[in-house]
Amino acid sequence: MAKIATVITNMFEDAEFTSPKGALEAAGHELITIDTTAGIEVEGKHGEKVKIDRDIDEVTASEFDALFIPGGFSPDILRVDDRVVAFVKEFMDEMKPTFAICHGPQLLITAKTLNGRDATGYKSIRVDLENAGAIFHDEEVFVCQKQLVTSRTPEDLPAFNREIVKLLESEEG
């Protein structure tokens, strides 16, 4: 089963973490939460609390099979940290499965990894995605090159969860 790096900090969109986490764990995958400091507890916009497993300084993309970026304000907060951006860029450069919902693609934009890639995201970042060279699709979920899975909002979670689990199953097959 896959070991999934999850970059997350305060102000994440609660359902955009808990729902995919539940779907991935139900499929047998392991999620490791990563922020700038290990052992702390971060809080979502609606009160969900998540303990951080690993510090960004003690991880490398090579030890993980996939990357998950929940939405909310968390991706915007994390993208000011060059270490987090470099970590995210490694997954995209190595074509490892990468999952981003809502504002999650903001980290992919900052990592400069979307040029020529198909993606979706929250309506307010559409222009940012297009300016980063992404081909924007206003769809509930979009899978690009059997590697990048993006969705727009919490309402899209059923489709997002289905596709991230499906992609990981195809990787194992």
N, C-alpha and C. Protein backbone atom coordinates (compact mmCIF):
# COMPACT_ATOMS: atom_id res chain seq x y z
N MET A 1 0.82 -1.19 0.00
CA MET A 1 0.00 0.00 0.00
C MET A 1 0.87 1.25 0.00
N ALA A 2 0.29 2.35 -0.41
CA ALA A 2 1.05 3.59 -0.59
C ALA A 2 1.27 4.34 0.72
N LYS A 3 2.42 4.96 0.81
CA LYS A 3 2.76 5.87 1.90
C LYS A 3 2.62 7.28 1.32
N ILE A 4 1.69 8.06 1.86
CA ILE A 4 1.31 9.34 1.25
C ILE A 4 1.72 10.52 2.13
N ALA A 5 2.56 11.38 1.58
CA ALA A 5 2.95 12.61 2.26
C ALA A 5 1.77 13.58 2.18
N THR A 6 1.40 14.17 3.31
CA THR A 6 0.31 15.13 3.35
C THR A 6 0.84 16.44 3.93
N VAL A 7 1.00 17.46 3.07
CA VAL A 7 1.48 18.75 3.55
C VAL A 7 0.28 19.57 4.01
N ILE A 8 0.33 19.97 5.28
CA ILE A 8 -0.84 20.60 5.90
C ILE A 8 -0.39 21.50 7.04
N THR A 9 -1.10 22.60 7.21
CA THR A 9 -0.88 23.48 8.35
C THR A 9 -2.22 24.08 8.76
N ASN A 10 -2.18 25.02 9.70
CA ASN A 10 -3.40 25.65 10.19
C ASN A 10 -4.25 26.21 9.06
N MET A 11 -5.54 26.27 9.32
CA MET A 11 -6.52 26.86 8.41
C MET A 11 -6.79 26.01 7.16
N PHE A 12 -6.50 24.70 7.25
CA PHE A 12 -6.89 23.81 6.15
C PHE A 12 -8.41 23.68 6.15
N GLU A 13 -8.96 23.30 5.00
CA GLU A 13 -10.40 23.05 4.90
C GLU A 13 -10.65 21.65 5.45
N ASP A 14 -11.33 21.57 6.59
CA ASP A 14 -11.48 20.33 7.34
C ASP A 14 -11.89 19.13 6.48
N ALA A 15 -13.00 19.25 5.76
CA ALA A 15 -13.52 18.13 4.97
C ALA A 15 -12.56 17.74 3.85
N GLU A 16 -11.78 18.69 3.35
CA GLU A 16 -10.84 18.39 2.26
C GLU A 16 -9.63 17.63 2.76
N PHE A 17 -9.50 17.50 4.07
CA PHE A 17 -8.49 16.60 4.66
C PHE A 17 -9.15 15.32 5.13
N THR A 18 -10.21 15.44 5.94
CA THR A 18 -10.79 14.26 6.58
C THR A 18 -11.42 13.29 5.60
N SER A 19 -12.10 13.79 4.58
CA SER A 19 -12.78 12.91 3.62
C SER A 19 -11.78 12.10 2.78
N PRO A 20 -10.79 12.75 2.13
CA PRO A 20 -9.79 11.96 1.39
C PRO A 20 -8.98 11.04 2.30
N LYS A 21 -8.65 11.52 3.50
CA LYS A 21 -7.90 10.69 4.47
C LYS A 21 -8.69 9.41 4.74
N GLY A 22 -9.98 9.55 4.99
CA GLY A 22 -10.82 8.39 5.26
C GLY A 22 -10.86 7.43 4.08
N ALA A 23 -10.99 7.97 2.88
CA ALA A 23 -11.05 7.12 1.67
C ALA A 23 -9.71 6.41 1.45
N LEU A 24 -8.62 7.12 1.64
CA LEU A 24 -7.30 6.53 1.43
C LEU A 24 -6.99 5.47 2.48
N GLU A 25 -7.30 5.76 3.73
CA GLU A 25 -7.05 4.78 4.79
C GLU A 25 -7.94 3.55 4.64
N ALA A 26 -9.18 3.76 4.21
CA ALA A 26 -10.08 2.62 3.98
C ALA A 26 -9.55 1.71 2.89
N ALA A 27 -8.79 2.29 1.95
CA ALA A 27 -8.19 1.50 0.87
C ALA A 27 -6.84 0.91 1.29
N GLY A 28 -6.44 1.15 2.54
CA GLY A 28 -5.22 0.55 3.07
C GLY A 28 -3.96 1.41 2.99
N HIS A 29 -4.10 2.65 2.60
CA HIS A 29 -2.94 3.52 2.46
C HIS A 29 -2.63 4.24 3.77
N GLU A 30 -1.40 4.69 3.91
CA GLU A 30 -0.94 5.39 5.11
C GLU A 30 -0.66 6.85 4.79
N LEU A 31 -1.23 7.76 5.59
CA LEU A 31 -0.97 9.19 5.43
C LEU A 31 -0.03 9.66 6.52
N ILE A 32 0.98 10.42 6.12
CA ILE A 32 1.93 11.03 7.05
C ILE A 32 1.77 12.53 6.91
N THR A 33 1.42 13.21 8.01
CA THR A 33 1.23 14.66 7.97
C THR A 33 2.57 15.36 8.14
N ILE A 34 2.77 16.42 7.35
CA ILE A 34 4.04 17.14 7.32
C ILE A 34 3.77 18.64 7.38
N ASP A 35 4.51 19.33 8.23
CA ASP A 35 4.46 20.78 8.36
C ASP A 35 5.88 21.23 8.68
N THR A 36 6.04 22.47 9.07
CA THR A 36 7.37 23.00 9.35
C THR A 36 7.91 22.52 10.71
N THR A 37 7.04 21.99 11.57
CA THR A 37 7.45 21.49 12.88
C THR A 37 6.69 20.21 13.19
N ALA A 38 7.41 19.14 13.54
CA ALA A 38 6.78 17.88 13.92
C ALA A 38 6.23 17.96 15.34
N GLY A 39 5.19 17.16 15.61
CA GLY A 39 4.65 17.03 16.96
C GLY A 39 3.63 18.08 17.35
N ILE A 40 3.49 19.13 16.56
CA ILE A 40 2.51 20.15 16.88
C ILE A 40 1.12 19.71 16.42
N GLU A 41 0.12 20.44 16.85
CA GLU A 41 -1.24 20.19 16.41
C GLU A 41 -1.69 21.40 15.59
N VAL A 42 -2.20 21.13 14.38
CA VAL A 42 -2.72 22.22 13.56
C VAL A 42 -4.24 22.12 13.56
N GLU A 43 -4.88 23.26 13.26
CA GLU A 43 -6.33 23.30 13.34
C GLU A 43 -6.94 23.77 12.03
N GLY A 44 -7.97 23.07 11.60
CA GLY A 44 -8.69 23.44 10.40
C GLY A 44 -9.58 24.64 10.60
N LYS A 45 -10.14 25.14 9.52
CA LYS A 45 -11.01 26.31 9.55
C LYS A 45 -12.25 26.10 10.41
N HIS A 46 -12.65 24.83 10.57
CA HIS A 46 -13.88 24.53 11.29
C HIS A 46 -13.63 23.72 12.57
N GLY A 47 -12.36 23.73 13.04
CA GLY A 47 -12.04 23.13 14.34
C GLY A 47 -11.41 21.76 14.34
N GLU A 48 -11.32 21.09 13.18
CA GLU A 48 -10.67 19.78 13.12
C GLU A 48 -9.20 19.94 13.53
N LYS A 49 -8.71 19.05 14.40
CA LYS A 49 -7.32 19.12 14.84
C LYS A 49 -6.53 17.94 14.27
N VAL A 50 -5.32 18.22 13.81
CA VAL A 50 -4.48 17.20 13.21
C VAL A 50 -3.07 17.30 13.81
N LYS A 51 -2.55 16.19 14.28
CA LYS A 51 -1.18 16.16 14.80
C LYS A 51 -0.21 15.99 13.63
N ILE A 52 0.84 16.76 13.64
CA ILE A 52 1.85 16.70 12.58
C ILE A 52 2.86 15.60 12.91
N ASP A 53 3.02 14.66 11.98
CA ASP A 53 3.91 13.52 12.17
C ASP A 53 5.38 13.86 11.93
N ARG A 54 5.63 14.63 10.87
CA ARG A 54 7.03 14.85 10.46
C ARG A 54 7.28 16.32 10.15
N ASP A 55 8.50 16.71 10.37
CA ASP A 55 8.99 18.06 10.08
C ASP A 55 9.49 18.08 8.63
N ILE A 56 9.25 19.16 7.92
CA ILE A 56 9.66 19.26 6.52
C ILE A 56 11.16 19.03 6.34
N ASP A 57 11.96 19.36 7.36
CA ASP A 57 13.41 19.18 7.26
C ASP A 57 13.83 17.72 7.35
N GLU A 58 12.94 16.84 7.79
CA GLU A 58 13.33 15.43 7.97
C GLU A 58 12.68 14.49 6.96
N VAL A 59 12.15 15.04 5.88
CA VAL A 59 11.52 14.19 4.87
C VAL A 59 12.10 14.46 3.48
N THR A 60 12.01 13.45 2.64
CA THR A 60 12.34 13.60 1.22
C THR A 60 11.24 12.92 0.42
N ALA A 61 11.04 13.37 -0.78
CA ALA A 61 10.00 12.79 -1.63
C ALA A 61 10.26 11.31 -1.88
N SER A 62 11.52 10.91 -1.89
CA SER A 62 11.86 9.52 -2.21
C SER A 62 11.30 8.50 -1.22
N GLU A 63 10.96 8.92 -0.01
CA GLU A 63 10.42 7.98 0.97
C GLU A 63 8.90 7.82 0.89
N PHE A 64 8.28 8.52 -0.05
CA PHE A 64 6.83 8.47 -0.20
C PHE A 64 6.43 8.03 -1.60
N ASP A 65 5.22 7.48 -1.69
CA ASP A 65 4.68 7.03 -2.98
C ASP A 65 3.80 8.07 -3.64
N ALA A 66 3.24 9.00 -2.83
CA ALA A 66 2.30 9.99 -3.36
C ALA A 66 2.28 11.21 -2.45
N LEU A 67 1.68 12.29 -2.98
CA LEU A 67 1.56 13.55 -2.24
C LEU A 67 0.10 13.98 -2.23
N PHE A 68 -0.37 14.45 -1.08
CA PHE A 68 -1.73 14.95 -0.93
C PHE A 68 -1.68 16.36 -0.36
N ILE A 69 -2.37 17.31 -1.02
CA ILE A 69 -2.43 18.70 -0.58
C ILE A 69 -3.89 19.09 -0.37
N PRO A 70 -4.37 19.11 0.89
CA PRO A 70 -5.73 19.58 1.15
C PRO A 70 -5.82 21.09 0.90
N GLY A 71 -7.05 21.58 0.72
CA GLY A 71 -7.26 22.99 0.46
C GLY A 71 -7.45 23.82 1.71
N GLY A 72 -8.14 24.93 1.55
CA GLY A 72 -8.27 25.91 2.61
C GLY A 72 -7.16 26.94 2.47
N PHE A 73 -6.81 27.59 3.58
CA PHE A 73 -5.72 28.57 3.55
C PHE A 73 -4.36 27.91 3.72
N SER A 74 -4.33 26.67 4.13
CA SER A 74 -3.09 25.94 4.39
C SER A 74 -2.09 25.99 3.22
N PRO A 75 -2.50 25.72 1.97
CA PRO A 75 -1.53 25.74 0.87
C PRO A 75 -0.90 27.13 0.67
N ASP A 76 -1.69 28.18 0.86
CA ASP A 76 -1.17 29.53 0.70
C ASP A 76 -0.16 29.84 1.80
N ILE A 77 -0.43 29.40 3.02
CA ILE A 77 0.50 29.59 4.13
C ILE A 77 1.79 28.82 3.88
N LEU A 78 1.66 27.57 3.43
CA LEU A 78 2.83 26.71 3.22
C LEU A 78 3.71 27.15 2.05
N ARG A 79 3.13 27.80 1.05
CA ARG A 79 3.91 28.10 -0.14
C ARG A 79 4.92 29.22 0.05
N VAL A 80 4.91 29.88 1.19
CA VAL A 80 5.95 30.86 1.46
C VAL A 80 7.23 30.20 1.96
N ASP A 81 7.16 28.91 2.29
CA ASP A 81 8.32 28.18 2.79
C ASP A 81 8.99 27.43 1.64
N ASP A 82 10.19 27.84 1.29
CA ASP A 82 10.90 27.25 0.15
C ASP A 82 11.12 25.74 0.31
N ARG A 83 11.25 25.26 1.54
CA ARG A 83 11.45 23.82 1.77
C ARG A 83 10.21 23.03 1.36
N VAL A 84 9.04 23.55 1.68
CA VAL A 84 7.79 22.88 1.32
C VAL A 84 7.61 22.91 -0.19
N VAL A 85 7.89 24.04 -0.80
CA VAL A 85 7.77 24.18 -2.26
C VAL A 85 8.71 23.20 -2.96
N ALA A 86 9.95 23.09 -2.50
CA ALA A 86 10.91 22.16 -3.11
C ALA A 86 10.44 20.71 -2.95
N PHE A 87 9.87 20.39 -1.80
CA PHE A 87 9.36 19.05 -1.53
C PHE A 87 8.24 18.70 -2.51
N VAL A 88 7.30 19.62 -2.68
CA VAL A 88 6.18 19.43 -3.61
C VAL A 88 6.70 19.29 -5.05
N LYS A 89 7.65 20.11 -5.41
CA LYS A 89 8.21 20.09 -6.77
C LYS A 89 8.83 18.73 -7.09
N GLU A 90 9.47 18.12 -6.10
CA GLU A 90 10.07 16.78 -6.32
C GLU A 90 9.03 15.76 -6.78
N PHE A 91 7.86 15.77 -6.15
CA PHE A 91 6.81 14.81 -6.52
C PHE A 91 6.38 15.02 -7.97
N MET A 92 6.18 16.28 -8.33
CA MET A 92 5.74 16.58 -9.69
C MET A 92 6.84 16.25 -10.70
N ASP A 93 8.06 16.62 -10.40
CA ASP A 93 9.18 16.35 -11.31
C ASP A 93 9.39 14.85 -11.51
N GLU A 94 9.16 14.07 -10.46
CA GLU A 94 9.35 12.61 -10.53
C GLU A 94 8.08 11.89 -11.00
N MET A 95 7.04 12.66 -11.35
CA MET A 95 5.77 12.10 -11.84
C MET A 95 5.12 11.14 -10.83
N LYS A 96 5.30 11.44 -9.54
CA LYS A 96 4.63 10.64 -8.51
C LYS A 96 3.19 11.12 -8.38
N PRO A 97 2.28 10.24 -8.02
CA PRO A 97 0.89 10.65 -7.84
C PRO A 97 0.78 11.84 -6.89
N THR A 98 0.06 12.86 -7.35
CA THR A 98 -0.10 14.10 -6.58
C THR A 98 -1.57 14.49 -6.61
N PHE A 99 -2.12 14.75 -5.42
CA PHE A 99 -3.54 15.04 -5.27
C PHE A 99 -3.72 16.41 -4.61
N ALA A 100 -4.43 17.31 -5.26
CA ALA A 100 -4.65 18.65 -4.71
C ALA A 100 -6.09 19.07 -4.94
N ILE A 101 -6.72 19.57 -3.89
CA ILE A 101 -8.11 19.99 -3.99
C ILE A 101 -8.25 21.45 -3.58
N CYS A 102 -9.18 22.13 -4.25
CA CYS A 102 -9.58 23.50 -3.93
C CYS A 102 -8.41 24.47 -4.10
N HIS A 103 -7.82 24.96 -3.01
CA HIS A 103 -6.67 25.87 -3.08
C HIS A 103 -5.35 25.11 -3.06
N GLY A 104 -5.40 23.78 -2.96
CA GLY A 104 -4.19 22.95 -2.97
C GLY A 104 -3.25 23.24 -4.13
N PRO A 105 -3.77 23.47 -5.34
CA PRO A 105 -2.88 23.74 -6.47
C PRO A 105 -2.01 25.00 -6.30
N GLN A 106 -2.30 25.85 -5.31
CA GLN A 106 -1.44 27.01 -5.08
C GLN A 106 0.00 26.59 -4.83
N LEU A 107 0.19 25.48 -4.15
CA LEU A 107 1.55 24.99 -3.93
C LEU A 107 2.19 24.52 -5.23
N LEU A 108 1.40 23.93 -6.11
CA LEU A 108 1.91 23.48 -7.41
C LEU A 108 2.25 24.68 -8.30
N ILE A 109 1.49 25.75 -8.16
CA ILE A 109 1.76 26.99 -8.90
C ILE A 109 3.10 27.56 -8.46
N THR A 110 3.29 27.67 -7.15
CA THR A 110 4.53 28.24 -6.62
C THR A 110 5.73 27.36 -6.96
N ALA A 111 5.51 26.06 -7.04
CA ALA A 111 6.60 25.14 -7.41
C ALA A 111 6.87 25.16 -8.91
N LYS A 112 6.07 25.93 -9.66
CA LYS A 112 6.23 26.07 -11.10
C LYS A 112 6.19 24.71 -11.82
N THR A 113 5.15 23.93 -11.50
CA THR A 113 5.05 22.57 -12.04
C THR A 113 3.82 22.34 -12.91
N LEU A 114 3.08 23.39 -13.23
CA LEU A 114 1.82 23.20 -13.94
C LEU A 114 1.83 23.61 -15.41
N ASN A 115 2.93 24.12 -15.90
CA ASN A 115 2.97 24.57 -17.29
C ASN A 115 2.64 23.42 -18.25
N GLY A 116 1.57 23.60 -19.04
CA GLY A 116 1.15 22.58 -20.00
C GLY A 116 0.36 21.45 -19.39
N ARG A 117 0.09 21.49 -18.08
CA ARG A 117 -0.66 20.42 -17.41
C ARG A 117 -2.13 20.78 -17.31
N ASP A 118 -2.97 19.77 -17.35
CA ASP A 118 -4.41 19.94 -17.17
C ASP A 118 -4.72 19.90 -15.69
N ALA A 119 -5.55 20.86 -15.22
CA ALA A 119 -5.87 20.90 -13.79
C ALA A 119 -7.17 21.66 -13.57
N THR A 120 -7.69 21.50 -12.36
CA THR A 120 -8.80 22.32 -11.89
C THR A 120 -8.48 22.77 -10.49
N GLY A 121 -9.32 23.62 -9.95
CA GLY A 121 -9.12 24.15 -8.60
C GLY A 121 -10.26 25.09 -8.29
N TYR A 122 -10.19 25.70 -7.14
CA TYR A 122 -11.24 26.63 -6.72
C TYR A 122 -11.32 27.80 -7.69
N LYS A 123 -12.51 28.28 -7.91
CA LYS A 123 -12.77 29.35 -8.89
C LYS A 123 -11.83 30.55 -8.73
N SER A 124 -11.52 30.94 -7.50
CA SER A 124 -10.70 32.13 -7.27
C SER A 124 -9.25 31.97 -7.70
N ILE A 125 -8.78 30.73 -7.92
CA ILE A 125 -7.40 30.55 -8.37
C ILE A 125 -7.30 30.17 -9.85
N ARG A 126 -8.42 30.23 -10.54
CA ARG A 126 -8.42 29.88 -11.97
C ARG A 126 -7.39 30.71 -12.76
N VAL A 127 -7.40 32.03 -12.58
CA VAL A 127 -6.47 32.89 -13.31
C VAL A 127 -5.03 32.57 -12.91
N ASP A 128 -4.81 32.28 -11.63
CA ASP A 128 -3.47 31.90 -11.18
C ASP A 128 -3.00 30.61 -11.87
N LEU A 129 -3.91 29.65 -11.96
CA LEU A 129 -3.59 28.39 -12.64
C LEU A 129 -3.25 28.65 -14.11
N GLU A 130 -4.08 29.44 -14.76
CA GLU A 130 -3.84 29.75 -16.18
C GLU A 130 -2.54 30.54 -16.36
N ASN A 131 -2.27 31.49 -15.47
CA ASN A 131 -1.02 32.25 -15.55
C ASN A 131 0.21 31.36 -15.31
N ALA A 132 0.01 30.27 -14.59
CA ALA A 132 1.10 29.31 -14.34
C ALA A 132 1.27 28.34 -15.52
N GLY A 133 0.42 28.49 -16.53
CA GLY A 133 0.53 27.64 -17.72
C GLY A 133 -0.37 26.42 -17.71
N ALA A 134 -1.19 26.28 -16.68
CA ALA A 134 -2.10 25.13 -16.62
C ALA A 134 -3.26 25.32 -17.60
N ILE A 135 -3.77 24.22 -18.08
CA ILE A 135 -4.97 24.22 -18.90
C ILE A 135 -6.11 23.94 -17.94
N PHE A 136 -6.93 24.96 -17.68
CA PHE A 136 -7.96 24.87 -16.65
C PHE A 136 -9.20 24.15 -17.16
N HIS A 137 -9.72 23.25 -16.32
CA HIS A 137 -10.96 22.53 -16.62
C HIS A 137 -11.93 22.75 -15.46
N ASP A 138 -13.08 23.31 -15.74
CA ASP A 138 -14.09 23.53 -14.71
C ASP A 138 -14.91 22.25 -14.57
N GLU A 139 -14.30 21.25 -13.94
CA GLU A 139 -14.91 19.94 -13.74
C GLU A 139 -14.70 19.51 -12.30
N GLU A 140 -15.55 18.59 -11.81
CA GLU A 140 -15.46 18.18 -10.41
C GLU A 140 -14.14 17.51 -10.07
N VAL A 141 -13.55 16.84 -11.03
CA VAL A 141 -12.24 16.23 -10.83
C VAL A 141 -11.57 16.14 -12.19
N PHE A 142 -10.25 16.31 -12.20
CA PHE A 142 -9.52 16.15 -13.45
C PHE A 142 -8.25 15.37 -13.17
N VAL A 143 -8.01 14.33 -13.97
CA VAL A 143 -6.81 13.51 -13.84
C VAL A 143 -5.91 13.80 -15.04
N CYS A 144 -4.71 14.24 -14.78
CA CYS A 144 -3.76 14.59 -15.82
C CYS A 144 -2.61 13.58 -15.84
N GLN A 145 -2.40 12.97 -16.99
CA GLN A 145 -1.27 12.05 -17.23
C GLN A 145 -1.16 10.94 -16.19
N LYS A 146 -2.28 10.47 -15.67
CA LYS A 146 -2.31 9.41 -14.67
C LYS A 146 -1.36 9.72 -13.50
N GLN A 147 -1.24 11.03 -13.16
CA GLN A 147 -0.36 11.43 -12.08
C GLN A 147 -0.98 12.51 -11.19
N LEU A 148 -1.54 13.52 -11.80
CA LEU A 148 -2.05 14.67 -11.05
C LEU A 148 -3.58 14.63 -11.00
N VAL A 149 -4.12 14.61 -9.78
CA VAL A 149 -5.57 14.63 -9.60
C VAL A 149 -5.93 15.92 -8.86
N THR A 150 -6.81 16.72 -9.49
CA THR A 150 -7.23 17.98 -8.87
C THR A 150 -8.76 18.07 -8.85
N SER A 151 -9.27 18.79 -7.84
CA SER A 151 -10.71 19.04 -7.73
C SER A 151 -10.92 20.46 -7.25
N ARG A 152 -12.20 20.92 -7.32
CA ARG A 152 -12.52 22.33 -7.07
C ARG A 152 -12.93 22.66 -5.65
N THR A 153 -13.87 21.90 -5.08
CA THR A 153 -14.50 22.30 -3.81
C THR A 153 -14.87 21.07 -2.98
N PRO A 154 -15.30 21.28 -1.73
CA PRO A 154 -15.74 20.13 -0.93
C PRO A 154 -16.87 19.34 -1.59
N GLU A 155 -17.70 20.00 -2.39
CA GLU A 155 -18.78 19.29 -3.07
C GLU A 155 -18.24 18.24 -4.05
N ASP A 156 -17.00 18.41 -4.47
CA ASP A 156 -16.38 17.48 -5.42
C ASP A 156 -15.67 16.31 -4.74
N LEU A 157 -15.71 16.26 -3.42
CA LEU A 157 -14.96 15.22 -2.69
C LEU A 157 -15.30 13.79 -3.11
N PRO A 158 -16.56 13.41 -3.35
CA PRO A 158 -16.80 12.02 -3.77
C PRO A 158 -16.02 11.66 -5.05
N ALA A 159 -16.01 12.55 -6.03
CA ALA A 159 -15.28 12.28 -7.28
C ALA A 159 -13.77 12.30 -7.03
N PHE A 160 -13.29 13.25 -6.25
CA PHE A 160 -11.87 13.35 -5.91
C PHE A 160 -11.40 12.08 -5.22
N ASN A 161 -12.13 11.67 -4.18
CA ASN A 161 -11.76 10.47 -3.44
C ASN A 161 -11.74 9.24 -4.34
N ARG A 162 -12.74 9.12 -5.19
CA ARG A 162 -12.81 7.97 -6.11
C ARG A 162 -11.57 7.93 -7.00
N GLU A 163 -11.19 9.07 -7.55
CA GLU A 163 -10.07 9.10 -8.50
C GLU A 163 -8.71 8.93 -7.84
N ILE A 164 -8.53 9.44 -6.63
CA ILE A 164 -7.22 9.27 -5.98
C ILE A 164 -7.01 7.81 -5.57
N VAL A 165 -8.07 7.18 -5.10
CA VAL A 165 -7.97 5.76 -4.74
C VAL A 165 -7.75 4.92 -6.00
N LYS A 166 -8.48 5.24 -7.06
CA LYS A 166 -8.35 4.53 -8.34
C LYS A 166 -6.93 4.66 -8.91
N LEU A 167 -6.37 5.85 -8.86
CA LEU A 167 -5.02 6.07 -9.38
C LEU A 167 -4.00 5.23 -8.60
N LEU A 168 -4.12 5.23 -7.29
CA LEU A 168 -3.18 4.44 -6.47
C LEU A 168 -3.34 2.94 -6.74
N GLU A 169 -4.58 2.49 -6.97
CA GLU A 169 -4.80 1.07 -7.31
C GLU A 169 -4.11 0.74 -8.63
N SER A 170 -4.17 1.63 -9.59
CA SER A 170 -3.53 1.37 -10.89
C SER A 170 -2.01 1.37 -10.77
N GLU A 171 -1.48 2.15 -9.83
CA GLU A 171 -0.03 2.17 -9.58
C GLU A 171 0.44 0.84 -9.01
N GLU A 172 -0.40 0.24 -8.17
CA GLU A 172 -0.04 -1.02 -7.54
C GLU A 172 -0.20 -2.21 -8.48
N GLY A 173 -1.14 -2.06 -9.42
CA GLY A 173 -1.48 -3.17 -10.31
C GLY A 173 -0.38 -3.52 -11.23
